[in-house]
Amino acid sequence: KTIIMWKLTRDETNYGIPQRALRGHSHFVSDVVISSDGQFALSGSWDGTLRLWDLT
């Protein structure tokens, strides 16, 4: 239902820091692709919807 965007770190005790939550699907998110320029993400969910997210 929610996609979490992370800032990855090199810290051995942490994998990263959550930066942003993308909410909007009513069921599990099964796939996410990011545009080559990093400006958009497209997600697909078990609820049968696709969502286009502006990441800027």
PDB file of N, CA and C in Angstrom:
ATOM      1  N   LYS A   1       0.810  -1.193   0.000  1.00  0.00           N
ATOM      2  CA  LYS A   1       0.000   0.000   0.000  1.00  0.00           C
ATOM      3  C   LYS A   1       0.854   1.257   0.000  1.00  0.00           C
ATOM      4  N   THR A   2       2.059   1.142   0.532  1.00  0.00           N
ATOM      5  CA  THR A   2       2.944   2.292   0.642  1.00  0.00           C
ATOM      6  C   THR A   2       4.325   1.939   0.122  1.00  0.00           C
ATOM      7  N   ILE A   3       4.923   2.854  -0.612  1.00  0.00           N
ATOM      8  CA  ILE A   3       6.294   2.709  -1.090  1.00  0.00           C
ATOM      9  C   ILE A   3       7.151   3.647  -0.249  1.00  0.00           C
ATOM     10  N   ILE A   4       8.223   3.133   0.310  1.00  0.00           N
ATOM     11  CA  ILE A   4       9.137   3.953   1.095  1.00  0.00           C
ATOM     12  C   ILE A   4      10.395   4.196   0.267  1.00  0.00           C
ATOM     13  N   MET A   5      10.766   5.454   0.102  1.00  0.00           N
ATOM     14  CA  MET A   5      12.016   5.804  -0.581  1.00  0.00           C
ATOM     15  C   MET A   5      13.092   5.980   0.484  1.00  0.00           C
ATOM     16  N   TRP A   6      14.253   5.372   0.250  1.00  0.00           N
ATOM     17  CA  TRP A   6      15.334   5.364   1.226  1.00  0.00           C
ATOM     18  C   TRP A   6      16.566   6.086   0.698  1.00  0.00           C
ATOM     19  N   LYS A   7      17.274   6.748   1.588  1.00  0.00           N
ATOM     20  CA  LYS A   7      18.619   7.246   1.296  1.00  0.00           C
ATOM     21  C   LYS A   7      19.564   6.194   1.859  1.00  0.00           C
ATOM     22  N   LEU A   8      20.282   5.514   0.980  1.00  0.00           N
ATOM     23  CA  LEU A   8      21.172   4.448   1.414  1.00  0.00           C
ATOM     24  C   LEU A   8      22.430   5.029   2.036  1.00  0.00           C
ATOM     25  N   THR A   9      22.904   4.357   3.091  1.00  0.00           N
ATOM     26  CA  THR A   9      24.108   4.802   3.787  1.00  0.00           C
ATOM     27  C   THR A   9      25.141   3.686   3.765  1.00  0.00           C
ATOM     28  N   ARG A  10      26.339   4.028   4.114  1.00  0.00           N
ATOM     29  CA  ARG A  10      27.411   3.034   4.198  1.00  0.00           C
ATOM     30  C   ARG A  10      27.690   2.642   5.640  1.00  0.00           C
ATOM     31  N   ASP A  11      26.858   3.074   6.524  1.00  0.00           N
ATOM     32  CA  ASP A  11      27.003   2.771   7.943  1.00  0.00           C
ATOM     33  C   ASP A  11      26.731   1.292   8.182  1.00  0.00           C
ATOM     34  N   GLU A  12      27.579   0.633   8.951  1.00  0.00           N
ATOM     35  CA  GLU A  12      27.420  -0.802   9.197  1.00  0.00           C
ATOM     36  C   GLU A  12      26.241  -1.116  10.118  1.00  0.00           C
ATOM     37  N   THR A  13      25.765  -0.137  10.858  1.00  0.00           N
ATOM     38  CA  THR A  13      24.650  -0.378  11.772  1.00  0.00           C
ATOM     39  C   THR A  13      23.303   0.001  11.176  1.00  0.00           C
ATOM     40  N   ASN A  14      23.318   0.708  10.062  1.00  0.00           N
ATOM     41  CA  ASN A  14      22.093   1.153   9.398  1.00  0.00           C
ATOM     42  C   ASN A  14      22.188   0.873   7.909  1.00  0.00           C
ATOM     43  N   TYR A  15      21.086   0.483   7.310  1.00  0.00           N
ATOM     44  CA  TYR A  15      21.059   0.293   5.861  1.00  0.00           C
ATOM     45  C   TYR A  15      20.704   1.578   5.136  1.00  0.00           C
ATOM     46  N   GLY A  16      20.037   2.472   5.829  1.00  0.00           N
ATOM     47  CA  GLY A  16      19.633   3.715   5.210  1.00  0.00           C
ATOM     48  C   GLY A  16      18.640   4.469   6.070  1.00  0.00           C
ATOM     49  N   ILE A  17      18.200   5.589   5.523  1.00  0.00           N
ATOM     50  CA  ILE A  17      17.267   6.461   6.232  1.00  0.00           C
ATOM     51  C   ILE A  17      16.046   6.667   5.347  1.00  0.00           C
ATOM     52  N   PRO A  18      14.836   6.389   5.856  1.00  0.00           N
ATOM     53  CA  PRO A  18      13.642   6.625   5.041  1.00  0.00           C
ATOM     54  C   PRO A  18      13.488   8.119   4.757  1.00  0.00           C
ATOM     55  N   GLN A  19      13.242   8.447   3.481  1.00  0.00           N
ATOM     56  CA  GLN A  19      13.162   9.844   3.067  1.00  0.00           C
ATOM     57  C   GLN A  19      11.746  10.294   2.728  1.00  0.00           C
ATOM     58  N   ARG A  20      10.952   9.380   2.174  1.00  0.00           N
ATOM     59  CA  ARG A  20       9.623   9.772   1.676  1.00  0.00           C
ATOM     60  C   ARG A  20       8.732   8.546   1.580  1.00  0.00           C
ATOM     61  N   ALA A  21       7.452   8.721   1.867  1.00  0.00           N
ATOM     62  CA  ALA A  21       6.467   7.648   1.726  1.00  0.00           C
ATOM     63  C   ALA A  21       5.492   8.022   0.614  1.00  0.00           C
ATOM     64  N   LEU A  22       5.286   7.083  -0.302  1.00  0.00           N
ATOM     65  CA  LEU A  22       4.330   7.274  -1.398  1.00  0.00           C
ATOM     66  C   LEU A  22       3.123   6.386  -1.106  1.00  0.00           C
ATOM     67  N   ARG A  23       2.018   7.000  -0.727  1.00  0.00           N
ATOM     68  CA  ARG A  23       0.816   6.261  -0.343  1.00  0.00           C
ATOM     69  C   ARG A  23      -0.270   6.457  -1.394  1.00  0.00           C
ATOM     70  N   GLY A  24      -1.058   5.407  -1.638  1.00  0.00           N
ATOM     71  CA  GLY A  24      -2.153   5.586  -2.575  1.00  0.00           C
ATOM     72  C   GLY A  24      -2.773   4.303  -3.075  1.00  0.00           C
ATOM     73  N   HIS A  25      -2.042   3.200  -3.023  1.00  0.00           N
ATOM     74  CA  HIS A  25      -2.623   1.930  -3.449  1.00  0.00           C
ATOM     75  C   HIS A  25      -3.465   1.352  -2.310  1.00  0.00           C
ATOM     76  N   SER A  26      -4.470   0.564  -2.662  1.00  0.00           N
ATOM     77  CA  SER A  26      -5.325  -0.040  -1.635  1.00  0.00           C
ATOM     78  C   SER A  26      -4.969  -1.504  -1.376  1.00  0.00           C
ATOM     79  N   HIS A  27      -3.927  -2.009  -2.036  1.00  0.00           N
ATOM     80  CA  HIS A  27      -3.464  -3.384  -1.821  1.00  0.00           C
ATOM     81  C   HIS A  27      -1.949  -3.395  -1.970  1.00  0.00           C
ATOM     82  N   PHE A  28      -1.346  -4.582  -1.882  1.00  0.00           N
ATOM     83  CA  PHE A  28       0.107  -4.707  -1.954  1.00  0.00           C
ATOM     84  C   PHE A  28       0.675  -4.112  -3.235  1.00  0.00           C
ATOM     85  N   VAL A  29       1.818  -3.448  -3.139  1.00  0.00           N
ATOM     86  CA  VAL A  29       2.561  -2.970  -4.308  1.00  0.00           C
ATOM     87  C   VAL A  29       3.448  -4.116  -4.767  1.00  0.00           C
ATOM     88  N   SER A  30       3.325  -4.492  -6.046  1.00  0.00           N
ATOM     89  CA  SER A  30       4.082  -5.641  -6.545  1.00  0.00           C
ATOM     90  C   SER A  30       5.280  -5.248  -7.399  1.00  0.00           C
ATOM     91  N   ASP A  31       5.245  -4.080  -8.027  1.00  0.00           N
ATOM     92  CA  ASP A  31       6.330  -3.656  -8.913  1.00  0.00           C
ATOM     93  C   ASP A  31       6.517  -2.149  -8.863  1.00  0.00           C
ATOM     94  N   VAL A  32       7.769  -1.733  -9.008  1.00  0.00           N
ATOM     95  CA  VAL A  32       8.090  -0.307  -9.117  1.00  0.00           C
ATOM     96  C   VAL A  32       9.225  -0.165 -10.126  1.00  0.00           C
ATOM     97  N   VAL A  33       9.087   0.782 -11.040  1.00  0.00           N
ATOM     98  CA  VAL A  33      10.173   1.142 -11.955  1.00  0.00           C
ATOM     99  C   VAL A  33      10.398   2.647 -11.846  1.00  0.00           C
ATOM    100  N   ILE A  34      11.651   3.049 -12.031  1.00  0.00           N
ATOM    101  CA  ILE A  34      12.018   4.462 -11.947  1.00  0.00           C
ATOM    102  C   ILE A  34      12.514   4.911 -13.310  1.00  0.00           C
ATOM    103  N   SER A  35      12.099   6.094 -13.737  1.00  0.00           N
ATOM    104  CA  SER A  35      12.521   6.617 -15.039  1.00  0.00           C
ATOM    105  C   SER A  35      14.034   6.815 -15.054  1.00  0.00           C
ATOM    106  N   SER A  36      14.609   6.807 -16.245  1.00  0.00           N
ATOM    107  CA  SER A  36      16.067   6.908 -16.380  1.00  0.00           C
ATOM    108  C   SER A  36      16.620   8.226 -15.838  1.00  0.00           C
ATOM    109  N   ASP A  37      15.802   9.271 -15.812  1.00  0.00           N
ATOM    110  CA  ASP A  37      16.258  10.553 -15.268  1.00  0.00           C
ATOM    111  C   ASP A  37      15.957  10.697 -13.773  1.00  0.00           C
ATOM    112  N   GLY A  38      15.308   9.697 -13.175  1.00  0.00           N
ATOM    113  CA  GLY A  38      15.026   9.705 -11.746  1.00  0.00           C
ATOM    114  C   GLY A  38      13.899  10.620 -11.323  1.00  0.00           C
ATOM    115  N   GLN A  39      13.154  11.175 -12.271  1.00  0.00           N
ATOM    116  CA  GLN A  39      12.094  12.123 -11.927  1.00  0.00           C
ATOM    117  C   GLN A  39      10.760  11.459 -11.611  1.00  0.00           C
ATOM    118  N   PHE A  40      10.531  10.251 -12.126  1.00  0.00           N
ATOM    119  CA  PHE A  40       9.240   9.593 -11.960  1.00  0.00           C
ATOM    120  C   PHE A  40       9.415   8.138 -11.542  1.00  0.00           C
ATOM    121  N   ALA A  41       8.408   7.636 -10.848  1.00  0.00           N
ATOM    122  CA  ALA A  41       8.319   6.213 -10.539  1.00  0.00           C
ATOM    123  C   ALA A  41       6.926   5.752 -10.961  1.00  0.00           C
ATOM    124  N   LEU A  42       6.850   4.540 -11.464  1.00  0.00           N
ATOM    125  CA  LEU A  42       5.572   3.925 -11.827  1.00  0.00           C
ATOM    126  C   LEU A  42       5.426   2.678 -10.982  1.00  0.00           C
ATOM    127  N   SER A  43       4.321   2.573 -10.258  1.00  0.00           N
ATOM    128  CA  SER A  43       4.101   1.411  -9.400  1.00  0.00           C
ATOM    129  C   SER A  43       2.845   0.670  -9.826  1.00  0.00           C
ATOM    130  N   GLY A  44       2.892  -0.639  -9.657  1.00  0.00           N
ATOM    131  CA  GLY A  44       1.747  -1.495  -9.932  1.00  0.00           C
ATOM    132  C   GLY A  44       1.352  -2.228  -8.665  1.00  0.00           C
ATOM    133  N   SER A  45       0.064  -2.388  -8.470  1.00  0.00           N
ATOM    134  CA  SER A  45      -0.443  -2.974  -7.236  1.00  0.00           C
ATOM    135  C   SER A  45      -1.387  -4.127  -7.517  1.00  0.00           C
ATOM    136  N   TRP A  46      -1.569  -4.962  -6.499  1.00  0.00           N
ATOM    137  CA  TRP A  46      -2.529  -6.061  -6.578  1.00  0.00           C
ATOM    138  C   TRP A  46      -3.958  -5.538  -6.657  1.00  0.00           C
ATOM    139  N   ASP A  47      -4.173  -4.247  -6.407  1.00  0.00           N
ATOM    140  CA  ASP A  47      -5.528  -3.693  -6.535  1.00  0.00           C
ATOM    141  C   ASP A  47      -5.882  -3.418  -8.001  1.00  0.00           C
ATOM    142  N   GLY A  48      -4.943  -3.720  -8.928  1.00  0.00           N
ATOM    143  CA  GLY A  48      -5.200  -3.560 -10.354  1.00  0.00           C
ATOM    144  C   GLY A  48      -4.903  -2.170 -10.894  1.00  0.00           C
ATOM    145  N   THR A  49      -4.249  -1.331 -10.096  1.00  0.00           N
ATOM    146  CA  THR A  49      -3.968   0.032 -10.535  1.00  0.00           C
ATOM    147  C   THR A  49      -2.480   0.240 -10.780  1.00  0.00           C
ATOM    148  N   LEU A  50      -2.195   1.226 -11.630  1.00  0.00           N
ATOM    149  CA  LEU A  50      -0.852   1.757 -11.827  1.00  0.00           C
ATOM    150  C   LEU A  50      -0.870   3.191 -11.333  1.00  0.00           C
ATOM    151  N   ARG A  51       0.209   3.608 -10.698  1.00  0.00           N
ATOM    152  CA  ARG A  51       0.308   5.001 -10.248  1.00  0.00           C
ATOM    153  C   ARG A  51       1.636   5.568 -10.722  1.00  0.00           C
ATOM    154  N   LEU A  52       1.565   6.785 -11.256  1.00  0.00           N
ATOM    155  CA  LEU A  52       2.758   7.504 -11.678  1.00  0.00           C
ATOM    156  C   LEU A  52       3.067   8.549 -10.612  1.00  0.00           C
ATOM    157  N   TRP A  53       4.274   8.488 -10.062  1.00  0.00           N
ATOM    158  CA  TRP A  53       4.681   9.362  -8.964  1.00  0.00           C
ATOM    159  C   TRP A  53       5.723  10.360  -9.453  1.00  0.00           C
ATOM    160  N   ASP A  54       5.557  11.618  -9.101  1.00  0.00           N
ATOM    161  CA  ASP A  54       6.557  12.652  -9.381  1.00  0.00           C
ATOM    162  C   ASP A  54       7.533  12.656  -8.206  1.00  0.00           C
ATOM    163  N   LEU A  55       8.783  12.345  -8.447  1.00  0.00           N
ATOM    164  CA  LEU A  55       9.772  12.227  -7.380  1.00  0.00           C
ATOM    165  C   LEU A  55      10.558  13.511  -7.141  1.00  0.00           C
ATOM    166  N   THR A  56      10.262  14.553  -7.912  1.00  0.00           N
ATOM    167  CA  THR A  56      11.019  15.805  -7.755  1.00  0.00           C
ATOM    168  C   THR A  56      10.446  16.665  -6.657  1.00  0.00           C
TER     169      THR A  56
END
